[in-house]
């Protein structure tokens, strides 16, 4: 979790987009833009040099696209969480971004509030997925599999609840309120789930739930 202002790297090949994002984020007292990149390769270099908390990453960029850059940032063990900000509302791009290790996915037609929420959640190691895209993906997986798969027998009932709510995009506080437990207990359950499933990051829980058909669309 970020200490002090959330340090953000902006990666987009259009200068006007970066300028607009910088203007938006400059009005947030808990967010600080520390650098910019115009392609994926530069984004990796800036992530290594600046160690930002969050990188706001476009997908379609020259030299190296944002998905490759995201994967490289994760593989190099950098502390930077990636929020993809893109014009692509396609379900396949969302899944590819999750596979690459992104913990946020926002389309450029979304509201400023959605992007700011995605950045703040990412800085806490939490996941934000653009709601309408999630509903379509969940619909696809439920329909293609016919019904939900059974969860692994080693997960307790409470662990199953925490897994589904986490994958659905609820924050620790929201999960705690729904289940009548503390946010710290939610985190303990999540760590236990990840150990049992052999997962390392929260975004992997979302991918796991999508692929196993464990969620129903709203």
C-alpha atoms as a PDB file:
ATOM      1  CA  UNK A   1       0.000   0.000   0.000  1.00  0.00           C
ATOM      2  CA  UNK A   2       1.259   3.433  -0.913  1.00  0.00           C
ATOM      3  CA  UNK A   3       2.519   5.681   1.896  1.00  0.00           C
ATOM      4  CA  UNK A   4       1.775   9.344   1.248  1.00  0.00           C
ATOM      5  CA  UNK A   5       0.505  10.418  -2.183  1.00  0.00           C
ATOM      6  CA  UNK A   6      -0.056   7.691  -4.750  1.00  0.00           C
ATOM      7  CA  UNK A   7       2.778   8.020  -7.256  1.00  0.00           C
ATOM      8  CA  UNK A   8       1.470   7.533 -10.794  1.00  0.00           C
ATOM      9  CA  UNK A   9       3.127   6.913 -14.160  1.00  0.00           C
ATOM     10  CA  UNK A  10       1.125   7.805 -17.279  1.00  0.00           C
ATOM     11  CA  UNK A  11       1.727   5.660 -20.379  1.00  0.00           C
ATOM     12  CA  UNK A  12      -0.067   6.661 -23.580  1.00  0.00           C
ATOM     13  CA  UNK A  13       1.214   7.421 -27.058  1.00  0.00           C
ATOM     14  CA  UNK A  14      -0.976  10.525 -27.377  1.00  0.00           C
ATOM     15  CA  UNK A  15       0.445  13.594 -25.643  1.00  0.00           C
ATOM     16  CA  UNK A  16      -2.995  15.196 -25.410  1.00  0.00           C
ATOM     17  CA  UNK A  17      -4.297  12.189 -23.460  1.00  0.00           C
ATOM     18  CA  UNK A  18      -1.369  12.331 -21.053  1.00  0.00           C
ATOM     19  CA  UNK A  19      -1.909  16.067 -20.585  1.00  0.00           C
ATOM     20  CA  UNK A  20      -5.580  15.517 -19.841  1.00  0.00           C
ATOM     21  CA  UNK A  21      -4.815  12.780 -17.329  1.00  0.00           C
ATOM     22  CA  UNK A  22      -2.162  14.902 -15.656  1.00  0.00           C
ATOM     23  CA  UNK A  23      -4.636  17.773 -15.343  1.00  0.00           C
ATOM     24  CA  UNK A  24      -7.257  15.458 -13.838  1.00  0.00           C
ATOM     25  CA  UNK A  25      -4.884  13.870 -11.340  1.00  0.00           C
ATOM     26  CA  UNK A  26      -3.278  17.174 -10.338  1.00  0.00           C
ATOM     27  CA  UNK A  27      -6.557  18.093  -8.688  1.00  0.00           C
ATOM     28  CA  UNK A  28      -6.388  15.083  -6.367  1.00  0.00           C
ATOM     29  CA  UNK A  29      -4.387  15.734  -3.174  1.00  0.00           C
ATOM     30  CA  UNK A  30      -3.618  12.040  -2.665  1.00  0.00           C
ATOM     31  CA  UNK A  31      -2.254  11.472  -6.191  1.00  0.00           C
ATOM     32  CA  UNK A  32       1.043  12.632  -7.724  1.00  0.00           C
ATOM     33  CA  UNK A  33       2.072  12.129 -11.359  1.00  0.00           C
ATOM     34  CA  UNK A  34       5.785  11.278 -11.319  1.00  0.00           C
ATOM     35  CA  UNK A  35       6.409  10.488 -14.973  1.00  0.00           C
ATOM     36  CA  UNK A  36       5.110   9.890 -18.495  1.00  0.00           C
ATOM     37  CA  UNK A  37       5.826   7.386 -21.249  1.00  0.00           C
ATOM     38  CA  UNK A  38       4.781   7.343 -24.906  1.00  0.00           C
ATOM     39  CA  UNK A  39       5.186   3.593 -25.543  1.00  0.00           C
ATOM     40  CA  UNK A  40       5.407   0.297 -23.712  1.00  0.00           C
ATOM     41  CA  UNK A  41       9.176   0.050 -23.707  1.00  0.00           C
ATOM     42  CA  UNK A  42       9.519   3.515 -22.226  1.00  0.00           C
ATOM     43  CA  UNK A  43       6.866   2.627 -19.656  1.00  0.00           C
ATOM     44  CA  UNK A  44       8.991  -0.278 -18.445  1.00  0.00           C
ATOM     45  CA  UNK A  45      12.088   1.917 -18.240  1.00  0.00           C
ATOM     46  CA  UNK A  46      10.191   4.604 -16.293  1.00  0.00           C
ATOM     47  CA  UNK A  47       8.654   1.999 -13.987  1.00  0.00           C
ATOM     48  CA  UNK A  48      12.117   0.664 -13.168  1.00  0.00           C
ATOM     49  CA  UNK A  49      13.626   4.113 -12.655  1.00  0.00           C
ATOM     50  CA  UNK A  50      10.772   5.821 -10.816  1.00  0.00           C
ATOM     51  CA  UNK A  51       9.136   2.893  -8.985  1.00  0.00           C
ATOM     52  CA  UNK A  52       5.644   4.425  -9.141  1.00  0.00           C
ATOM     53  CA  UNK A  53       2.813   2.884  -7.142  1.00  0.00           C
ATOM     54  CA  UNK A  54       0.518   2.759 -10.178  1.00  0.00           C
ATOM     55  CA  UNK A  55       0.971   2.912 -13.941  1.00  0.00           C
ATOM     56  CA  UNK A  56      -2.015   4.027 -16.017  1.00  0.00           C
ATOM     57  CA  UNK A  57      -1.369   2.065 -19.201  1.00  0.00           C
ATOM     58  CA  UNK A  58      -2.835   2.378 -22.692  1.00  0.00           C
ATOM     59  CA  UNK A  59      -2.935  -0.827 -24.764  1.00  0.00           C
ATOM     60  CA  UNK A  60      -2.326   0.317 -28.335  1.00  0.00           C
ATOM     61  CA  UNK A  61       1.084   1.994 -28.372  1.00  0.00           C
ATOM     62  CA  UNK A  62       4.042   1.867 -30.807  1.00  0.00           C
ATOM     63  CA  UNK A  63       7.269  -0.088 -30.261  1.00  0.00           C
ATOM     64  CA  UNK A  64       5.696  -2.225 -27.509  1.00  0.00           C
ATOM     65  CA  UNK A  65       2.015  -2.372 -26.575  1.00  0.00           C
ATOM     66  CA  UNK A  66       0.646  -1.898 -23.083  1.00  0.00           C
ATOM     67  CA  UNK A  67      -0.116  -5.574 -22.517  1.00  0.00           C
ATOM     68  CA  UNK A  68       3.482  -6.592 -23.161  1.00  0.00           C
ATOM     69  CA  UNK A  69       4.696  -3.764 -20.948  1.00  0.00           C
ATOM     70  CA  UNK A  70       2.337  -4.827 -18.158  1.00  0.00           C
ATOM     71  CA  UNK A  71       3.561  -8.405 -18.357  1.00  0.00           C
ATOM     72  CA  UNK A  72       7.182  -7.253 -18.258  1.00  0.00           C
ATOM     73  CA  UNK A  73       6.556  -5.057 -15.197  1.00  0.00           C
ATOM     74  CA  UNK A  74       5.027  -7.996 -13.359  1.00  0.00           C
ATOM     75  CA  UNK A  75       7.758 -10.435 -14.444  1.00  0.00           C
ATOM     76  CA  UNK A  76      10.478  -8.073 -13.238  1.00  0.00           C
ATOM     77  CA  UNK A  77       8.927  -7.940  -9.792  1.00  0.00           C
ATOM     78  CA  UNK A  78       8.456  -4.184  -9.808  1.00  0.00           C
ATOM     79  CA  UNK A  79       6.171  -2.733  -7.104  1.00  0.00           C
ATOM     80  CA  UNK A  80       4.066  -0.930  -9.720  1.00  0.00           C
ATOM     81  CA  UNK A  81       0.418  -1.934 -10.100  1.00  0.00           C
ATOM     82  CA  UNK A  82      -1.030  -1.461 -13.575  1.00  0.00           C
ATOM     83  CA  UNK A  83      -4.401   0.056 -14.437  1.00  0.00           C
ATOM     84  CA  UNK A  84      -5.197  -0.354 -18.118  1.00  0.00           C
ATOM     85  CA  UNK A  85      -6.942   2.682 -19.631  1.00  0.00           C
ATOM     86  CA  UNK A  86      -8.017   1.951 -23.183  1.00  0.00           C
ATOM     87  CA  UNK A  87     -10.552   2.513 -25.946  1.00  0.00           C
ATOM     88  CA  UNK A  88     -10.944  -1.275 -26.231  1.00  0.00           C
ATOM     89  CA  UNK A  89     -14.159  -2.450 -24.608  1.00  0.00           C
ATOM     90  CA  UNK A  90     -13.756  -5.951 -26.075  1.00  0.00           C
ATOM     91  CA  UNK A  91     -14.004  -8.824 -23.618  1.00  0.00           C
ATOM     92  CA  UNK A  92     -10.874 -10.449 -25.014  1.00  0.00           C
ATOM     93  CA  UNK A  93      -8.742  -7.403 -24.217  1.00  0.00           C
ATOM     94  CA  UNK A  94     -10.020  -7.439 -20.645  1.00  0.00           C
ATOM     95  CA  UNK A  95      -8.986 -11.078 -20.224  1.00  0.00           C
ATOM     96  CA  UNK A  96      -5.618 -10.439 -21.865  1.00  0.00           C
ATOM     97  CA  UNK A  97      -5.000  -7.525 -19.494  1.00  0.00           C
ATOM     98  CA  UNK A  98      -5.769  -9.735 -16.483  1.00  0.00           C
ATOM     99  CA  UNK A  99      -3.512 -12.450 -17.876  1.00  0.00           C
ATOM    100  CA  UNK A 100      -0.731  -9.883 -18.218  1.00  0.00           C
ATOM    101  CA  UNK A 101      -1.101  -8.958 -14.557  1.00  0.00           C
ATOM    102  CA  UNK A 102      -3.130  -5.745 -14.627  1.00  0.00           C
ATOM    103  CA  UNK A 103      -5.249  -5.118 -11.540  1.00  0.00           C
ATOM    104  CA  UNK A 104      -7.502  -2.510 -13.140  1.00  0.00           C
ATOM    105  CA  UNK A 105      -9.285  -2.119 -16.464  1.00  0.00           C
ATOM    106  CA  UNK A 106     -11.034   1.131 -17.422  1.00  0.00           C
ATOM    107  CA  UNK A 107     -12.308   2.218 -20.836  1.00  0.00           C
ATOM    108  CA  UNK A 108     -11.646   5.770 -21.940  1.00  0.00           C
ATOM    109  CA  UNK A 109     -15.364   6.505 -22.138  1.00  0.00           C
ATOM    110  CA  UNK A 110     -15.665   5.849 -18.393  1.00  0.00           C
ATOM    111  CA  UNK A 111     -16.116   8.608 -15.841  1.00  0.00           C
ATOM    112  CA  UNK A 112     -13.294  10.367 -14.045  1.00  0.00           C
ATOM    113  CA  UNK A 113     -14.632   8.776 -10.863  1.00  0.00           C
ATOM    114  CA  UNK A 114     -14.093   5.268 -12.263  1.00  0.00           C
ATOM    115  CA  UNK A 115     -10.480   5.999 -13.173  1.00  0.00           C
ATOM    116  CA  UNK A 116      -9.719   7.592  -9.805  1.00  0.00           C
ATOM    117  CA  UNK A 117     -11.290   4.658  -7.994  1.00  0.00           C
ATOM    118  CA  UNK A 118      -9.245   2.228 -10.091  1.00  0.00           C
ATOM    119  CA  UNK A 119      -6.014   4.070  -9.243  1.00  0.00           C
ATOM    120  CA  UNK A 120      -6.780   4.203  -5.519  1.00  0.00           C
ATOM    121  CA  UNK A 121      -7.762   0.538  -5.371  1.00  0.00           C
ATOM    122  CA  UNK A 122      -4.678  -0.474  -7.343  1.00  0.00           C
ATOM    123  CA  UNK A 123      -2.453   1.382  -4.879  1.00  0.00           C
ATOM    124  CA  UNK A 124      -3.990  -0.815  -2.167  1.00  0.00           C
ATOM    125  CA  UNK A 125      -3.411  -3.971  -4.193  1.00  0.00           C
ATOM    126  CA  UNK A 126      -7.099  -4.278  -5.000  1.00  0.00           C
ATOM    127  CA  UNK A 127      -8.864  -4.847  -8.305  1.00  0.00           C
ATOM    128  CA  UNK A 128     -11.119  -2.565 -10.343  1.00  0.00           C
ATOM    129  CA  UNK A 129     -12.811  -3.792 -13.510  1.00  0.00           C
ATOM    130  CA  UNK A 130     -15.079  -1.607 -15.618  1.00  0.00           C
ATOM    131  CA  UNK A 131     -18.580  -2.803 -14.605  1.00  0.00           C
ATOM    132  CA  UNK A 132     -20.274  -3.222 -17.998  1.00  0.00           C
ATOM    133  CA  UNK A 133     -17.326  -5.194 -19.368  1.00  0.00           C
ATOM    134  CA  UNK A 134     -17.369  -7.470 -16.341  1.00  0.00           C
ATOM    135  CA  UNK A 135     -21.062  -8.221 -16.803  1.00  0.00           C
ATOM    136  CA  UNK A 136     -20.487  -9.253 -20.411  1.00  0.00           C
ATOM    137  CA  UNK A 137     -17.527 -11.449 -19.528  1.00  0.00           C
ATOM    138  CA  UNK A 138     -19.403 -13.120 -16.695  1.00  0.00           C
ATOM    139  CA  UNK A 139     -22.396 -13.723 -18.970  1.00  0.00           C
ATOM    140  CA  UNK A 140     -20.133 -15.325 -21.548  1.00  0.00           C
ATOM    141  CA  UNK A 141     -18.514 -17.655 -19.049  1.00  0.00           C
ATOM    142  CA  UNK A 142     -21.759 -18.681 -17.356  1.00  0.00           C
ATOM    143  CA  UNK A 143     -23.428 -19.389 -20.701  1.00  0.00           C
ATOM    144  CA  UNK A 144     -20.449 -21.232 -22.181  1.00  0.00           C
ATOM    145  CA  UNK A 145     -20.138 -23.523 -19.171  1.00  0.00           C
ATOM    146  CA  UNK A 146     -23.850 -24.007 -18.607  1.00  0.00           C
ATOM    147  CA  UNK A 147     -23.546 -23.759 -14.846  1.00  0.00           C
ATOM    148  CA  UNK A 148     -21.047 -22.799 -12.200  1.00  0.00           C
ATOM    149  CA  UNK A 149     -18.286 -25.215 -11.451  1.00  0.00           C
ATOM    150  CA  UNK A 150     -17.940 -26.509  -7.939  1.00  0.00           C
ATOM    151  CA  UNK A 151     -15.320 -24.744  -5.918  1.00  0.00           C
ATOM    152  CA  UNK A 152     -12.347 -26.767  -4.706  1.00  0.00           C
ATOM    153  CA  UNK A 153     -13.394 -28.881  -1.722  1.00  0.00           C
ATOM    154  CA  UNK A 154     -10.478 -27.514   0.335  1.00  0.00           C
ATOM    155  CA  UNK A 155     -12.108 -24.076   0.477  1.00  0.00           C
ATOM    156  CA  UNK A 156     -14.428 -23.525   3.434  1.00  0.00           C
ATOM    157  CA  UNK A 157     -17.853 -21.939   3.002  1.00  0.00           C
ATOM    158  CA  UNK A 158     -16.611 -18.591   4.263  1.00  0.00           C
ATOM    159  CA  UNK A 159     -13.556 -18.758   1.992  1.00  0.00           C
ATOM    160  CA  UNK A 160     -15.859 -19.399  -0.968  1.00  0.00           C
ATOM    161  CA  UNK A 161     -17.895 -16.311  -0.078  1.00  0.00           C
ATOM    162  CA  UNK A 162     -14.763 -14.169   0.198  1.00  0.00           C
ATOM    163  CA  UNK A 163     -13.475 -15.494  -3.134  1.00  0.00           C
ATOM    164  CA  UNK A 164     -16.687 -14.689  -4.995  1.00  0.00           C
ATOM    165  CA  UNK A 165     -17.014 -11.214  -3.496  1.00  0.00           C
ATOM    166  CA  UNK A 166     -13.343 -10.425  -4.152  1.00  0.00           C
ATOM    167  CA  UNK A 167     -13.621 -11.549  -7.769  1.00  0.00           C
ATOM    168  CA  UNK A 168     -16.792  -9.474  -8.153  1.00  0.00           C
ATOM    169  CA  UNK A 169     -14.767  -6.357  -7.325  1.00  0.00           C
ATOM    170  CA  UNK A 170     -15.836  -5.664  -3.741  1.00  0.00           C
ATOM    171  CA  UNK A 171     -13.322  -3.937  -1.477  1.00  0.00           C
ATOM    172  CA  UNK A 172     -12.162  -5.368   1.853  1.00  0.00           C
ATOM    173  CA  UNK A 173     -14.455  -2.966   3.691  1.00  0.00           C
ATOM    174  CA  UNK A 174     -17.473  -3.896   1.580  1.00  0.00           C
ATOM    175  CA  UNK A 175     -16.829  -7.616   2.004  1.00  0.00           C
ATOM    176  CA  UNK A 176     -16.409  -7.143   5.751  1.00  0.00           C
ATOM    177  CA  UNK A 177     -19.746  -5.328   5.969  1.00  0.00           C
ATOM    178  CA  UNK A 178     -21.561  -8.007   3.979  1.00  0.00           C
ATOM    179  CA  UNK A 179     -20.132 -10.908   5.972  1.00  0.00           C
ATOM    180  CA  UNK A 180     -20.099  -9.255   9.390  1.00  0.00           C
ATOM    181  CA  UNK A 181     -16.359  -9.607   9.906  1.00  0.00           C
ATOM    182  CA  UNK A 182     -13.428  -7.187  10.091  1.00  0.00           C
ATOM    183  CA  UNK A 183     -11.439  -6.038   7.014  1.00  0.00           C
ATOM    184  CA  UNK A 184      -8.346  -7.637   8.581  1.00  0.00           C
ATOM    185  CA  UNK A 185     -10.167 -10.971   8.772  1.00  0.00           C
ATOM    186  CA  UNK A 186     -11.160 -10.607   5.115  1.00  0.00           C
ATOM    187  CA  UNK A 187      -7.492 -10.189   4.220  1.00  0.00           C
ATOM    188  CA  UNK A 188      -6.599 -13.269   6.270  1.00  0.00           C
ATOM    189  CA  UNK A 189      -9.205 -15.332   4.422  1.00  0.00           C
ATOM    190  CA  UNK A 190      -7.944 -14.046   1.070  1.00  0.00           C
ATOM    191  CA  UNK A 191      -4.341 -14.966   1.856  1.00  0.00           C
ATOM    192  CA  UNK A 192      -5.482 -18.446   2.875  1.00  0.00           C
ATOM    193  CA  UNK A 193      -7.462 -18.832  -0.363  1.00  0.00           C
ATOM    194  CA  UNK A 194      -4.481 -17.769  -2.455  1.00  0.00           C
ATOM    195  CA  UNK A 195      -2.238 -20.250  -0.667  1.00  0.00           C
ATOM    196  CA  UNK A 196      -4.719 -23.084  -1.235  1.00  0.00           C
ATOM    197  CA  UNK A 197      -5.168 -22.243  -4.928  1.00  0.00           C
ATOM    198  CA  UNK A 198      -1.479 -21.549  -5.530  1.00  0.00           C
ATOM    199  CA  UNK A 199      -2.091 -17.921  -6.543  1.00  0.00           C
ATOM    200  CA  UNK A 200       0.148 -14.939  -5.837  1.00  0.00           C
ATOM    201  CA  UNK A 201      -1.852 -11.798  -6.704  1.00  0.00           C
ATOM    202  CA  UNK A 202      -5.381 -10.588  -6.175  1.00  0.00           C
ATOM    203  CA  UNK A 203      -5.876 -10.168  -9.918  1.00  0.00           C
ATOM    204  CA  UNK A 204      -5.252 -13.916 -10.286  1.00  0.00           C
ATOM    205  CA  UNK A 205      -8.276 -14.561  -8.075  1.00  0.00           C
ATOM    206  CA  UNK A 206     -10.415 -12.656 -10.572  1.00  0.00           C
ATOM    207  CA  UNK A 207      -9.021 -14.648 -13.501  1.00  0.00           C
ATOM    208  CA  UNK A 208      -9.571 -17.877 -11.593  1.00  0.00           C
ATOM    209  CA  UNK A 209     -13.213 -17.024 -10.874  1.00  0.00           C
ATOM    210  CA  UNK A 210     -13.891 -15.986 -14.475  1.00  0.00           C
ATOM    211  CA  UNK A 211     -12.344 -19.097 -15.962  1.00  0.00           C
ATOM    212  CA  UNK A 212     -14.058 -21.457 -13.537  1.00  0.00           C
ATOM    213  CA  UNK A 213     -17.448 -19.807 -14.068  1.00  0.00           C
ATOM    214  CA  UNK A 214     -17.795 -19.085 -10.362  1.00  0.00           C
ATOM    215  CA  UNK A 215     -19.711 -15.806 -10.728  1.00  0.00           C
ATOM    216  CA  UNK A 216     -23.103 -14.953 -12.088  1.00  0.00           C
ATOM    217  CA  UNK A 217     -23.673 -11.689 -13.972  1.00  0.00           C
ATOM    218  CA  UNK A 218     -25.818  -9.100 -12.223  1.00  0.00           C
END
